[in-house]
Amino acid sequence: MCLSSSQPFSDTPTRLVLYLKTQTHVRIPRLSRRRRMWRKEKEMEMNNIRLYMENQLIIQENEKLKKKALLLHQENKALFSLLQTKKSFICSINKNLTINKHQDHILLLY
């Protein structure tokens, strides 16, 4: 059997080895497919790891923002209560002033 025939090798292993040695680029479809699949799996794994790390950073930043929002809410409540006490204090002063004005006005009438 000749090496350039339609069947390059027979069932004997020596002819297969000789054929493979004479060929410069031997492609085995299953092996190439496996390699492609393996590369894609590795790429997907790397993408998953990258996305996982991004998610972890986003979660950490979210926690920081939640803490900051809670502190701002507490500060807002404290300032609002302070404003309410000042407002009630000013209202009581205004009432006292108006009462005193009315009393002075009444005293002037007598």
PDB file of N, CA and C in Angstrom:
ATOM      1  N   MET A   1       0.850  -1.184   0.000  1.00  0.00           N
ATOM      2  CA  MET A   1       0.000   0.000   0.000  1.00  0.00           C
ATOM      3  C   MET A   1       0.887   1.236   0.000  1.00  0.00           C
ATOM      4  N   CYS A   2       0.532   2.191  -0.774  1.00  0.00           N
ATOM      5  CA  CYS A   2       1.324   3.403  -0.919  1.00  0.00           C
ATOM      6  C   CYS A   2       0.850   4.471   0.042  1.00  0.00           C
ATOM      7  N   LEU A   3       1.751   5.357   0.446  1.00  0.00           N
ATOM      8  CA  LEU A   3       1.387   6.401   1.401  1.00  0.00           C
ATOM      9  C   LEU A   3       0.494   7.468   0.793  1.00  0.00           C
ATOM     10  N   SER A   4       0.541   7.658  -0.465  1.00  0.00           N
ATOM     11  CA  SER A   4      -0.283   8.689  -1.084  1.00  0.00           C
ATOM     12  C   SER A   4      -1.619   8.150  -1.583  1.00  0.00           C
ATOM     13  N   SER A   5      -1.969   6.966  -1.247  1.00  0.00           N
ATOM     14  CA  SER A   5      -3.239   6.395  -1.688  1.00  0.00           C
ATOM     15  C   SER A   5      -4.384   7.015  -0.895  1.00  0.00           C
ATOM     16  N   SER A   6      -5.583   6.628  -1.229  1.00  0.00           N
ATOM     17  CA  SER A   6      -6.755   7.173  -0.556  1.00  0.00           C
ATOM     18  C   SER A   6      -6.812   6.738   0.899  1.00  0.00           C
ATOM     19  N   GLN A   7      -6.300   5.583   1.213  1.00  0.00           N
ATOM     20  CA  GLN A   7      -6.180   5.155   2.600  1.00  0.00           C
ATOM     21  C   GLN A   7      -4.719   5.287   2.985  1.00  0.00           C
ATOM     22  N   PRO A   8      -4.361   6.259   3.765  1.00  0.00           N
ATOM     23  CA  PRO A   8      -2.957   6.519   4.033  1.00  0.00           C
ATOM     24  C   PRO A   8      -2.285   5.460   4.885  1.00  0.00           C
ATOM     25  N   PHE A   9      -3.005   4.746   5.687  1.00  0.00           N
ATOM     26  CA  PHE A   9      -2.362   3.728   6.514  1.00  0.00           C
ATOM     27  C   PHE A   9      -3.312   2.573   6.737  1.00  0.00           C
ATOM     28  N   SER A  10      -2.709   1.461   7.035  1.00  0.00           N
ATOM     29  CA  SER A  10      -3.532   0.284   7.325  1.00  0.00           C
ATOM     30  C   SER A  10      -3.687   0.161   8.824  1.00  0.00           C
ATOM     31  N   ASP A  11      -4.081  -1.009   9.260  1.00  0.00           N
ATOM     32  CA  ASP A  11      -4.321  -1.213  10.674  1.00  0.00           C
ATOM     33  C   ASP A  11      -3.038  -1.392  11.474  1.00  0.00           C
ATOM     34  N   THR A  12      -1.934  -1.488  10.843  1.00  0.00           N
ATOM     35  CA  THR A  12      -0.694  -1.708  11.598  1.00  0.00           C
ATOM     36  C   THR A  12      -0.194  -0.395  12.179  1.00  0.00           C
ATOM     37  N   PRO A  13       0.283  -0.398  13.415  1.00  0.00           N
ATOM     38  CA  PRO A  13       0.722   0.830  14.069  1.00  0.00           C
ATOM     39  C   PRO A  13       1.958   1.459  13.437  1.00  0.00           C
ATOM     40  N   THR A  14       2.844   0.635  12.827  1.00  0.00           N
ATOM     41  CA  THR A  14       4.052   1.216  12.252  1.00  0.00           C
ATOM     42  C   THR A  14       3.726   2.115  11.071  1.00  0.00           C
ATOM     43  N   ARG A  15       2.769   1.720  10.252  1.00  0.00           N
ATOM     44  CA  ARG A  15       2.386   2.565   9.123  1.00  0.00           C
ATOM     45  C   ARG A  15       1.754   3.874   9.610  1.00  0.00           C
ATOM     46  N   LEU A  16       0.983   3.814  10.700  1.00  0.00           N
ATOM     47  CA  LEU A  16       0.384   5.027  11.267  1.00  0.00           C
ATOM     48  C   LEU A  16       1.463   5.981  11.737  1.00  0.00           C
ATOM     49  N   VAL A  17       2.465   5.456  12.421  1.00  0.00           N
ATOM     50  CA  VAL A  17       3.568   6.281  12.905  1.00  0.00           C
ATOM     51  C   VAL A  17       4.327   6.885  11.732  1.00  0.00           C
ATOM     52  N   LEU A  18       4.601   6.078  10.721  1.00  0.00           N
ATOM     53  CA  LEU A  18       5.289   6.591   9.535  1.00  0.00           C
ATOM     54  C   LEU A  18       4.466   7.683   8.853  1.00  0.00           C
ATOM     55  N   TYR A  19       3.187   7.479   8.763  1.00  0.00           N
ATOM     56  CA  TYR A  19       2.317   8.466   8.129  1.00  0.00           C
ATOM     57  C   TYR A  19       2.310   9.759   8.936  1.00  0.00           C
ATOM     58  N   LEU A  20       2.188   9.636  10.251  1.00  0.00           N
ATOM     59  CA  LEU A  20       2.156  10.824  11.102  1.00  0.00           C
ATOM     60  C   LEU A  20       3.481  11.568  11.078  1.00  0.00           C
ATOM     61  N   LYS A  21       4.586  10.839  10.940  1.00  0.00           N
ATOM     62  CA  LYS A  21       5.891  11.495  10.880  1.00  0.00           C
ATOM     63  C   LYS A  21       6.073  12.248   9.572  1.00  0.00           C
ATOM     64  N   THR A  22       5.502  11.754   8.503  1.00  0.00           N
ATOM     65  CA  THR A  22       5.657  12.432   7.229  1.00  0.00           C
ATOM     66  C   THR A  22       4.747  13.643   7.116  1.00  0.00           C
ATOM     67  N   GLN A  23       3.663  13.664   7.857  1.00  0.00           N
ATOM     68  CA  GLN A  23       2.741  14.786   7.815  1.00  0.00           C
ATOM     69  C   GLN A  23       3.247  15.893   8.743  1.00  0.00           C
ATOM     70  N   THR A  24       3.213  17.121   8.278  1.00  0.00           N
ATOM     71  CA  THR A  24       3.691  18.234   9.112  1.00  0.00           C
ATOM     72  C   THR A  24       2.582  18.783  10.004  1.00  0.00           C
ATOM     73  N   HIS A  25       1.391  18.866   9.477  1.00  0.00           N
ATOM     74  CA  HIS A  25       0.268  19.389  10.260  1.00  0.00           C
ATOM     75  C   HIS A  25      -0.816  18.330  10.348  1.00  0.00           C
ATOM     76  N   VAL A  26      -0.851  17.669  11.443  1.00  0.00           N
ATOM     77  CA  VAL A  26      -1.860  16.651  11.630  1.00  0.00           C
ATOM     78  C   VAL A  26      -2.940  17.248  12.519  1.00  0.00           C
ATOM     79  N   ARG A  27      -4.150  17.199  12.060  1.00  0.00           N
ATOM     80  CA  ARG A  27      -5.271  17.705  12.845  1.00  0.00           C
ATOM     81  C   ARG A  27      -6.161  16.542  13.213  1.00  0.00           C
ATOM     82  N   ILE A  28      -6.394  16.415  14.456  1.00  0.00           N
ATOM     83  CA  ILE A  28      -7.310  15.389  14.925  1.00  0.00           C
ATOM     84  C   ILE A  28      -8.559  16.135  15.372  1.00  0.00           C
ATOM     85  N   PRO A  29      -9.660  15.981  14.671  1.00  0.00           N
ATOM     86  CA  PRO A  29     -10.845  16.798  14.933  1.00  0.00           C
ATOM     87  C   PRO A  29     -11.338  16.742  16.381  1.00  0.00           C
ATOM     88  N   ARG A  30     -11.379  15.576  16.939  1.00  0.00           N
ATOM     89  CA  ARG A  30     -11.886  15.467  18.310  1.00  0.00           C
ATOM     90  C   ARG A  30     -10.992  16.215  19.293  1.00  0.00           C
ATOM     91  N   LEU A  31      -9.688  16.082  19.093  1.00  0.00           N
ATOM     92  CA  LEU A  31      -8.744  16.751  19.986  1.00  0.00           C
ATOM     93  C   LEU A  31      -8.853  18.269  19.835  1.00  0.00           C
ATOM     94  N   SER A  32      -8.963  18.745  18.606  1.00  0.00           N
ATOM     95  CA  SER A  32      -9.116  20.177  18.370  1.00  0.00           C
ATOM     96  C   SER A  32     -10.394  20.695  19.002  1.00  0.00           C
ATOM     97  N   ARG A  33     -11.466  19.929  18.854  1.00  0.00           N
ATOM     98  CA  ARG A  33     -12.741  20.315  19.452  1.00  0.00           C
ATOM     99  C   ARG A  33     -12.629  20.358  20.968  1.00  0.00           C
ATOM    100  N   ARG A  34     -11.963  19.363  21.537  1.00  0.00           N
ATOM    101  CA  ARG A  34     -11.767  19.342  22.994  1.00  0.00           C
ATOM    102  C   ARG A  34     -10.974  20.553  23.452  1.00  0.00           C
ATOM    103  N   ARG A  35      -9.927  20.865  22.699  1.00  0.00           N
ATOM    104  CA  ARG A  35      -9.102  22.031  23.063  1.00  0.00           C
ATOM    105  C   ARG A  35      -9.923  23.313  22.992  1.00  0.00           C
ATOM    106  N   ARG A  36     -10.724  23.447  21.944  1.00  0.00           N
ATOM    107  CA  ARG A  36     -11.575  24.632  21.826  1.00  0.00           C
ATOM    108  C   ARG A  36     -12.551  24.709  22.991  1.00  0.00           C
ATOM    109  N   MET A  37     -13.153  23.576  23.299  1.00  0.00           N
ATOM    110  CA  MET A  37     -14.098  23.546  24.416  1.00  0.00           C
ATOM    111  C   MET A  37     -13.383  23.857  25.725  1.00  0.00           C
ATOM    112  N   TRP A  38     -12.200  23.314  25.897  1.00  0.00           N
ATOM    113  CA  TRP A  38     -11.429  23.567  27.111  1.00  0.00           C
ATOM    114  C   TRP A  38     -11.084  25.051  27.211  1.00  0.00           C
ATOM    115  N   ARG A  39     -10.677  25.671  26.105  1.00  0.00           N
ATOM    116  CA  ARG A  39     -10.367  27.103  26.106  1.00  0.00           C
ATOM    117  C   ARG A  39     -11.604  27.927  26.435  1.00  0.00           C
ATOM    118  N   LYS A  40     -12.735  27.555  25.832  1.00  0.00           N
ATOM    119  CA  LYS A  40     -13.973  28.285  26.115  1.00  0.00           C
ATOM    120  C   LYS A  40     -14.376  28.124  27.573  1.00  0.00           C
ATOM    121  N   GLU A  41     -14.209  26.921  28.110  1.00  0.00           N
ATOM    122  CA  GLU A  41     -14.523  26.700  29.522  1.00  0.00           C
ATOM    123  C   GLU A  41     -13.634  27.552  30.411  1.00  0.00           C
ATOM    124  N   LYS A  42     -12.353  27.628  30.074  1.00  0.00           N
ATOM    125  CA  LYS A  42     -11.423  28.450  30.852  1.00  0.00           C
ATOM    126  C   LYS A  42     -11.784  29.929  30.749  1.00  0.00           C
ATOM    127  N   GLU A  43     -12.145  30.364  29.530  1.00  0.00           N
ATOM    128  CA  GLU A  43     -12.562  31.756  29.352  1.00  0.00           C
ATOM    129  C   GLU A  43     -13.808  32.060  30.174  1.00  0.00           C
ATOM    130  N   MET A  44     -14.772  31.140  30.135  1.00  0.00           N
ATOM    131  CA  MET A  44     -15.990  31.332  30.913  1.00  0.00           C
ATOM    132  C   MET A  44     -15.682  31.359  32.400  1.00  0.00           C
ATOM    133  N   GLU A  45     -14.801  30.481  32.836  1.00  0.00           N
ATOM    134  CA  GLU A  45     -14.411  30.445  34.245  1.00  0.00           C
ATOM    135  C   GLU A  45     -13.751  31.763  34.659  1.00  0.00           C
ATOM    136  N   MET A  46     -12.878  32.285  33.811  1.00  0.00           N
ATOM    137  CA  MET A  46     -12.222  33.560  34.110  1.00  0.00           C
ATOM    138  C   MET A  46     -13.245  34.705  34.130  1.00  0.00           C
ATOM    139  N   ASN A  47     -14.183  34.680  33.192  1.00  0.00           N
ATOM    140  CA  ASN A  47     -15.238  35.694  33.192  1.00  0.00           C
ATOM    141  C   ASN A  47     -16.088  35.597  34.453  1.00  0.00           C
ATOM    142  N   ASN A  48     -16.406  34.376  34.868  1.00  0.00           N
ATOM    143  CA  ASN A  48     -17.183  34.189  36.092  1.00  0.00           C
ATOM    144  C   ASN A  48     -16.433  34.717  37.305  1.00  0.00           C
ATOM    145  N   ILE A  49     -15.137  34.448  37.360  1.00  0.00           N
ATOM    146  CA  ILE A  49     -14.332  34.940  38.487  1.00  0.00           C
ATOM    147  C   ILE A  49     -14.291  36.466  38.477  1.00  0.00           C
ATOM    148  N   ARG A  50     -14.106  37.051  37.288  1.00  0.00           N
ATOM    149  CA  ARG A  50     -14.059  38.508  37.176  1.00  0.00           C
ATOM    150  C   ARG A  50     -15.397  39.125  37.604  1.00  0.00           C
ATOM    151  N   LEU A  51     -16.504  38.545  37.145  1.00  0.00           N
ATOM    152  CA  LEU A  51     -17.825  39.050  37.514  1.00  0.00           C
ATOM    153  C   LEU A  51     -18.094  38.872  39.011  1.00  0.00           C
ATOM    154  N   TYR A  52     -17.638  37.763  39.561  1.00  0.00           N
ATOM    155  CA  TYR A  52     -17.791  37.533  40.996  1.00  0.00           C
ATOM    156  C   TYR A  52     -17.064  38.608  41.797  1.00  0.00           C
ATOM    157  N   MET A  53     -15.840  38.926  41.380  1.00  0.00           N
ATOM    158  CA  MET A  53     -15.061  39.955  42.081  1.00  0.00           C
ATOM    159  C   MET A  53     -15.733  41.328  41.942  1.00  0.00           C
ATOM    160  N   GLU A  54     -16.247  41.628  40.763  1.00  0.00           N
ATOM    161  CA  GLU A  54     -16.961  42.892  40.580  1.00  0.00           C
ATOM    162  C   GLU A  54     -18.185  42.948  41.490  1.00  0.00           C
ATOM    163  N   ASN A  55     -18.930  41.847  41.576  1.00  0.00           N
ATOM    164  CA  ASN A  55     -20.106  41.794  42.440  1.00  0.00           C
ATOM    165  C   ASN A  55     -19.719  41.997  43.897  1.00  0.00           C
ATOM    166  N   GLN A  56     -18.616  41.398  44.317  1.00  0.00           N
ATOM    167  CA  GLN A  56     -18.174  41.568  45.704  1.00  0.00           C
ATOM    168  C   GLN A  56     -17.842  43.029  45.986  1.00  0.00           C
ATOM    169  N   LEU A  57     -17.181  43.697  45.047  1.00  0.00           N
ATOM    170  CA  LEU A  57     -16.866  45.116  45.221  1.00  0.00           C
ATOM    171  C   LEU A  57     -18.138  45.957  45.291  1.00  0.00           C
ATOM    172  N   ILE A  58     -19.099  45.630  44.453  1.00  0.00           N
ATOM    173  CA  ILE A  58     -20.364  46.368  44.461  1.00  0.00           C
ATOM    174  C   ILE A  58     -21.095  46.146  45.781  1.00  0.00           C
ATOM    175  N   ILE A  59     -21.083  44.929  46.291  1.00  0.00           N
ATOM    176  CA  ILE A  59     -21.731  44.632  47.571  1.00  0.00           C
ATOM    177  C   ILE A  59     -21.063  45.408  48.694  1.00  0.00           C
ATOM    178  N   GLN A  60     -19.726  45.444  48.706  1.00  0.00           N
ATOM    179  CA  GLN A  60     -19.010  46.197  49.742  1.00  0.00           C
ATOM    180  C   GLN A  60     -19.332  47.685  49.661  1.00  0.00           C
ATOM    181  N   GLU A  61     -19.352  48.223  48.457  1.00  0.00           N
ATOM    182  CA  GLU A  61     -19.674  49.642  48.289  1.00  0.00           C
ATOM    183  C   GLU A  61     -21.109  49.916  48.724  1.00  0.00           C
ATOM    184  N   ASN A  62     -22.013  48.989  48.438  1.00  0.00           N
ATOM    185  CA  ASN A  62     -23.410  49.123  48.845  1.00  0.00           C
ATOM    186  C   ASN A  62     -23.522  49.166  50.365  1.00  0.00           C
ATOM    187  N   GLU A  63     -22.782  48.310  51.054  1.00  0.00           N
ATOM    188  CA  GLU A  63     -22.800  48.308  52.518  1.00  0.00           C
ATOM    189  C   GLU A  63     -22.299  49.642  53.068  1.00  0.00           C
ATOM    190  N   LYS A  64     -21.228  50.174  52.475  1.00  0.00           N
ATOM    191  CA  LYS A  64     -20.703  51.471  52.914  1.00  0.00           C
ATOM    192  C   LYS A  64     -21.749  52.562  52.725  1.00  0.00           C
ATOM    193  N   LEU A  65     -22.427  52.527  51.577  1.00  0.00           N
ATOM    194  CA  LEU A  65     -23.443  53.542  51.299  1.00  0.00           C
ATOM    195  C   LEU A  65     -24.635  53.409  52.247  1.00  0.00           C
ATOM    196  N   LYS A  66     -24.993  52.178  52.599  1.00  0.00           N
ATOM    197  CA  LYS A  66     -26.089  51.980  53.556  1.00  0.00           C
ATOM    198  C   LYS A  66     -25.737  52.583  54.907  1.00  0.00           C
ATOM    199  N   LYS A  67     -24.496  52.348  55.370  1.00  0.00           N
ATOM    200  CA  LYS A  67     -24.063  52.911  56.643  1.00  0.00           C
ATOM    201  C   LYS A  67     -24.075  54.434  56.598  1.00  0.00           C
ATOM    202  N   LYS A  68     -23.582  54.990  55.488  1.00  0.00           N
ATOM    203  CA  LYS A  68     -23.551  56.436  55.331  1.00  0.00           C
ATOM    204  C   LYS A  68     -24.973  57.002  55.327  1.00  0.00           C
ATOM    205  N   ALA A  69     -25.892  56.328  54.623  1.00  0.00           N
ATOM    206  CA  ALA A  69     -27.286  56.774  54.568  1.00  0.00           C
ATOM    207  C   ALA A  69     -27.919  56.725  55.959  1.00  0.00           C
ATOM    208  N   LEU A  70     -27.606  55.686  56.723  1.00  0.00           N
ATOM    209  CA  LEU A  70     -28.148  55.582  58.078  1.00  0.00           C
ATOM    210  C   LEU A  70     -27.634  56.729  58.949  1.00  0.00           C
ATOM    211  N   LEU A  71     -26.343  57.032  58.859  1.00  0.00           N
ATOM    212  CA  LEU A  71     -25.789  58.149  59.628  1.00  0.00           C
ATOM    213  C   LEU A  71     -26.426  59.478  59.218  1.00  0.00           C
ATOM    214  N   LEU A  72     -26.612  59.673  57.911  1.00  0.00           N
ATOM    215  CA  LEU A  72     -27.248  60.904  57.449  1.00  0.00           C
ATOM    216  C   LEU A  72     -28.698  61.000  57.916  1.00  0.00           C
ATOM    217  N   HIS A  73     -29.395  59.884  57.932  1.00  0.00           N
ATOM    218  CA  HIS A  73     -30.781  59.872  58.410  1.00  0.00           C
ATOM    219  C   HIS A  73     -30.835  60.237  59.897  1.00  0.00           C
ATOM    220  N   GLN A  74     -29.917  59.656  60.679  1.00  0.00           N
ATOM    221  CA  GLN A  74     -29.886  59.985  62.106  1.00  0.00           C
ATOM    222  C   GLN A  74     -29.551  61.454  62.322  1.00  0.00           C
ATOM    223  N   GLU A  75     -28.598  61.968  61.548  1.00  0.00           N
ATOM    224  CA  GLU A  75     -28.241  63.382  61.667  1.00  0.00           C
ATOM    225  C   GLU A  75     -29.423  64.264  61.270  1.00  0.00           C
ATOM    226  N   ASN A  76     -30.141  63.865  60.242  1.00  0.00           N
ATOM    227  CA  ASN A  76     -31.312  64.618  59.802  1.00  0.00           C
ATOM    228  C   ASN A  76     -32.380  64.654  60.892  1.00  0.00           C
ATOM    229  N   LYS A  77     -32.616  63.511  61.533  1.00  0.00           N
ATOM    230  CA  LYS A  77     -33.606  63.466  62.610  1.00  0.00           C
ATOM    231  C   LYS A  77     -33.192  64.359  63.771  1.00  0.00           C
ATOM    232  N   ALA A  78     -31.888  64.334  64.116  1.00  0.00           N
ATOM    233  CA  ALA A  78     -31.402  65.164  65.222  1.00  0.00           C
ATOM    234  C   ALA A  78     -31.544  66.647  64.884  1.00  0.00           C
ATOM    235  N   LEU A  79     -31.191  67.023  63.668  1.00  0.00           N
ATOM    236  CA  LEU A  79     -31.321  68.424  63.268  1.00  0.00           C
ATOM    237  C   LEU A  79     -32.784  68.854  63.205  1.00  0.00           C
ATOM    238  N   PHE A  80     -33.647  67.968  62.762  1.00  0.00           N
ATOM    239  CA  PHE A  80     -35.068  68.294  62.706  1.00  0.00           C
ATOM    240  C   PHE A  80     -35.644  68.499  64.104  1.00  0.00           C
ATOM    241  N   SER A  81     -35.255  67.634  65.045  1.00  0.00           N
ATOM    242  CA  SER A  81     -35.754  67.819  66.413  1.00  0.00           C
ATOM    243  C   SER A  81     -35.196  69.104  67.015  1.00  0.00           C
ATOM    244  N   LEU A  82     -33.952  69.437  66.717  1.00  0.00           N
ATOM    245  CA  LEU A  82     -33.363  70.688  67.184  1.00  0.00           C
ATOM    246  C   LEU A  82     -34.117  71.873  66.592  1.00  0.00           C
ATOM    247  N   LEU A  83     -34.463  71.785  65.335  1.00  0.00           N
ATOM    248  CA  LEU A  83     -35.233  72.836  64.680  1.00  0.00           C
ATOM    249  C   LEU A  83     -36.613  72.982  65.331  1.00  0.00           C
ATOM    250  N   GLN A  84     -37.234  71.861  65.644  1.00  0.00           N
ATOM    251  CA  GLN A  84     -38.553  71.906  66.284  1.00  0.00           C
ATOM    252  C   GLN A  84     -38.480  72.583  67.645  1.00  0.00           C
ATOM    253  N   THR A  85     -37.431  72.267  68.426  1.00  0.00           N
ATOM    254  CA  THR A  85     -37.320  72.897  69.751  1.00  0.00           C
ATOM    255  C   THR A  85     -37.059  74.394  69.606  1.00  0.00           C
ATOM    256  N   LYS A  86     -36.227  74.789  68.644  1.00  0.00           N
ATOM    257  CA  LYS A  86     -35.984  76.218  68.424  1.00  0.00           C
ATOM    258  C   LYS A  86     -37.255  76.905  67.951  1.00  0.00           C
ATOM    259  N   LYS A  87     -37.997  76.230  67.093  1.00  0.00           N
ATOM    260  CA  LYS A  87     -39.235  76.804  66.579  1.00  0.00           C
ATOM    261  C   LYS A  87     -40.238  76.992  67.712  1.00  0.00           C
ATOM    262  N   SER A  88     -40.377  75.991  68.564  1.00  0.00           N
ATOM    263  CA  SER A  88     -41.313  76.114  69.686  1.00  0.00           C
ATOM    264  C   SER A  88     -40.834  77.188  70.657  1.00  0.00           C
ATOM    265  N   PHE A  89     -39.520  77.299  70.853  1.00  0.00           N
ATOM    266  CA  PHE A  89     -38.977  78.335  71.738  1.00  0.00           C
ATOM    267  C   PHE A  89     -39.257  79.725  71.163  1.00  0.00           C
ATOM    268  N   ILE A  90     -39.066  79.901  69.853  1.00  0.00           N
ATOM    269  CA  ILE A  90     -39.328  81.186  69.205  1.00  0.00           C
ATOM    270  C   ILE A  90     -40.818  81.513  69.247  1.00  0.00           C
ATOM    271  N   CYS A  91     -41.660  80.512  69.051  1.00  0.00           N
ATOM    272  CA  CYS A  91     -43.107  80.726  69.112  1.00  0.00           C
ATOM    273  C   CYS A  91     -43.520  81.173  70.501  1.00  0.00           C
ATOM    274  N   SER A  92     -42.936  80.557  71.533  1.00  0.00           N
ATOM    275  CA  SER A  92     -43.284  80.956  72.901  1.00  0.00           C
ATOM    276  C   SER A  92     -42.799  82.369  73.193  1.00  0.00           C
ATOM    277  N   ILE A  93     -41.646  82.761  72.677  1.00  0.00           N
ATOM    278  CA  ILE A  93     -41.145  84.132  72.849  1.00  0.00           C
ATOM    279  C   ILE A  93     -42.071  85.114  72.137  1.00  0.00           C
ATOM    280  N   ASN A  94     -42.475  84.778  70.927  1.00  0.00           N
ATOM    281  CA  ASN A  94     -43.393  85.643  70.180  1.00  0.00           C
ATOM    282  C   ASN A  94     -44.717  85.794  70.898  1.00  0.00           C
ATOM    283  N   LYS A  95     -45.222  84.716  71.472  1.00  0.00           N
ATOM    284  CA  LYS A  95     -46.474  84.794  72.218  1.00  0.00           C
ATOM    285  C   LYS A  95     -46.307  85.705  73.425  1.00  0.00           C
ATOM    286  N   ASN A  96     -45.166  85.547  74.118  1.00  0.00           N
ATOM    287  CA  ASN A  96     -44.925  86.401  75.282  1.00  0.00           C
ATOM    288  C   ASN A  96     -44.815  87.861  74.865  1.00  0.00           C
ATOM    289  N   LEU A  97     -44.157  88.137  73.769  1.00  0.00           N
ATOM    290  CA  LEU A  97     -44.024  89.514  73.285  1.00  0.00           C
ATOM    291  C   LEU A  97     -45.375  90.095  72.901  1.00  0.00           C
ATOM    292  N   THR A  98     -46.188  89.307  72.213  1.00  0.00           N
ATOM    293  CA  THR A  98     -47.508  89.814  71.820  1.00  0.00           C
ATOM    294  C   THR A  98     -48.385  90.019  73.050  1.00  0.00           C
ATOM    295  N   ILE A  99     -48.269  89.133  74.010  1.00  0.00           N
ATOM    296  CA  ILE A  99     -49.045  89.309  75.255  1.00  0.00           C
ATOM    297  C   ILE A  99     -48.586  90.568  75.962  1.00  0.00           C
ATOM    298  N   ASN A 100     -47.278  90.780  76.036  1.00  0.00           N
ATOM    299  CA  ASN A 100     -46.755  91.984  76.682  1.00  0.00           C
ATOM    300  C   ASN A 100     -47.172  93.233  75.925  1.00  0.00           C
ATOM    301  N   LYS A 101     -47.179  93.204  74.618  1.00  0.00           N
ATOM    302  CA  LYS A 101     -47.619  94.351  73.841  1.00  0.00           C
ATOM    303  C   LYS A 101     -49.077  94.651  74.107  1.00  0.00           C
ATOM    304  N   HIS A 102     -49.889  93.589  74.158  1.00  0.00           N
ATOM    305  CA  HIS A 102     -51.319  93.780  74.424  1.00  0.00           C
ATOM    306  C   HIS A 102     -51.513  94.353  75.826  1.00  0.00           C
ATOM    307  N   GLN A 103     -50.727  93.843  76.755  1.00  0.00           N
ATOM    308  CA  GLN A 103     -50.859  94.356  78.127  1.00  0.00           C
ATOM    309  C   GLN A 103     -50.427  95.816  78.205  1.00  0.00           C
ATOM    310  N   ASP A 104     -49.337  96.151  77.498  1.00  0.00           N
ATOM    311  CA  ASP A 104     -48.891  97.538  77.469  1.00  0.00           C
ATOM    312  C   ASP A 104     -49.929  98.419  76.789  1.00  0.00           C
ATOM    313  N   HIS A 105     -50.528  97.920  75.752  1.00  0.00           N
ATOM    314  CA  HIS A 105     -51.537  98.663  75.040  1.00  0.00           C
ATOM    315  C   HIS A 105     -52.769  98.871  75.932  1.00  0.00           C
ATOM    316  N   ILE A 106     -53.126  97.818  76.659  1.00  0.00           N
ATOM    317  CA  ILE A 106     -54.253  97.905  77.563  1.00  0.00           C
ATOM    318  C   ILE A 106     -53.937  98.882  78.688  1.00  0.00           C
ATOM    319  N   LEU A 107     -52.710  98.828  79.204  1.00  0.00           N
ATOM    320  CA  LEU A 107     -52.310  99.759  80.268  1.00  0.00           C
ATOM    321  C   LEU A 107     -52.336 101.195  79.777  1.00  0.00           C
ATOM    322  N   LEU A 108     -51.948 101.414  78.548  1.00  0.00           N
ATOM    323  CA  LEU A 108     -51.967 102.756  77.999  1.00  0.00           C
ATOM    324  C   LEU A 108     -53.398 103.280  77.848  1.00  0.00           C
ATOM    325  N   LEU A 109     -54.312 102.398  77.563  1.00  0.00           N
ATOM    326  CA  LEU A 109     -55.701 102.804  77.420  1.00  0.00           C
ATOM    327  C   LEU A 109     -56.279 103.233  78.763  1.00  0.00           C
ATOM    328  N   TYR A 110     -55.838 102.663  79.842  1.00  0.00           N
ATOM    329  CA  TYR A 110     -56.387 103.021  81.134  1.00  0.00           C
ATOM    330  C   TYR A 110     -55.731 104.229  81.592  1.00  0.00           C
TER     331      TYR A 110
END
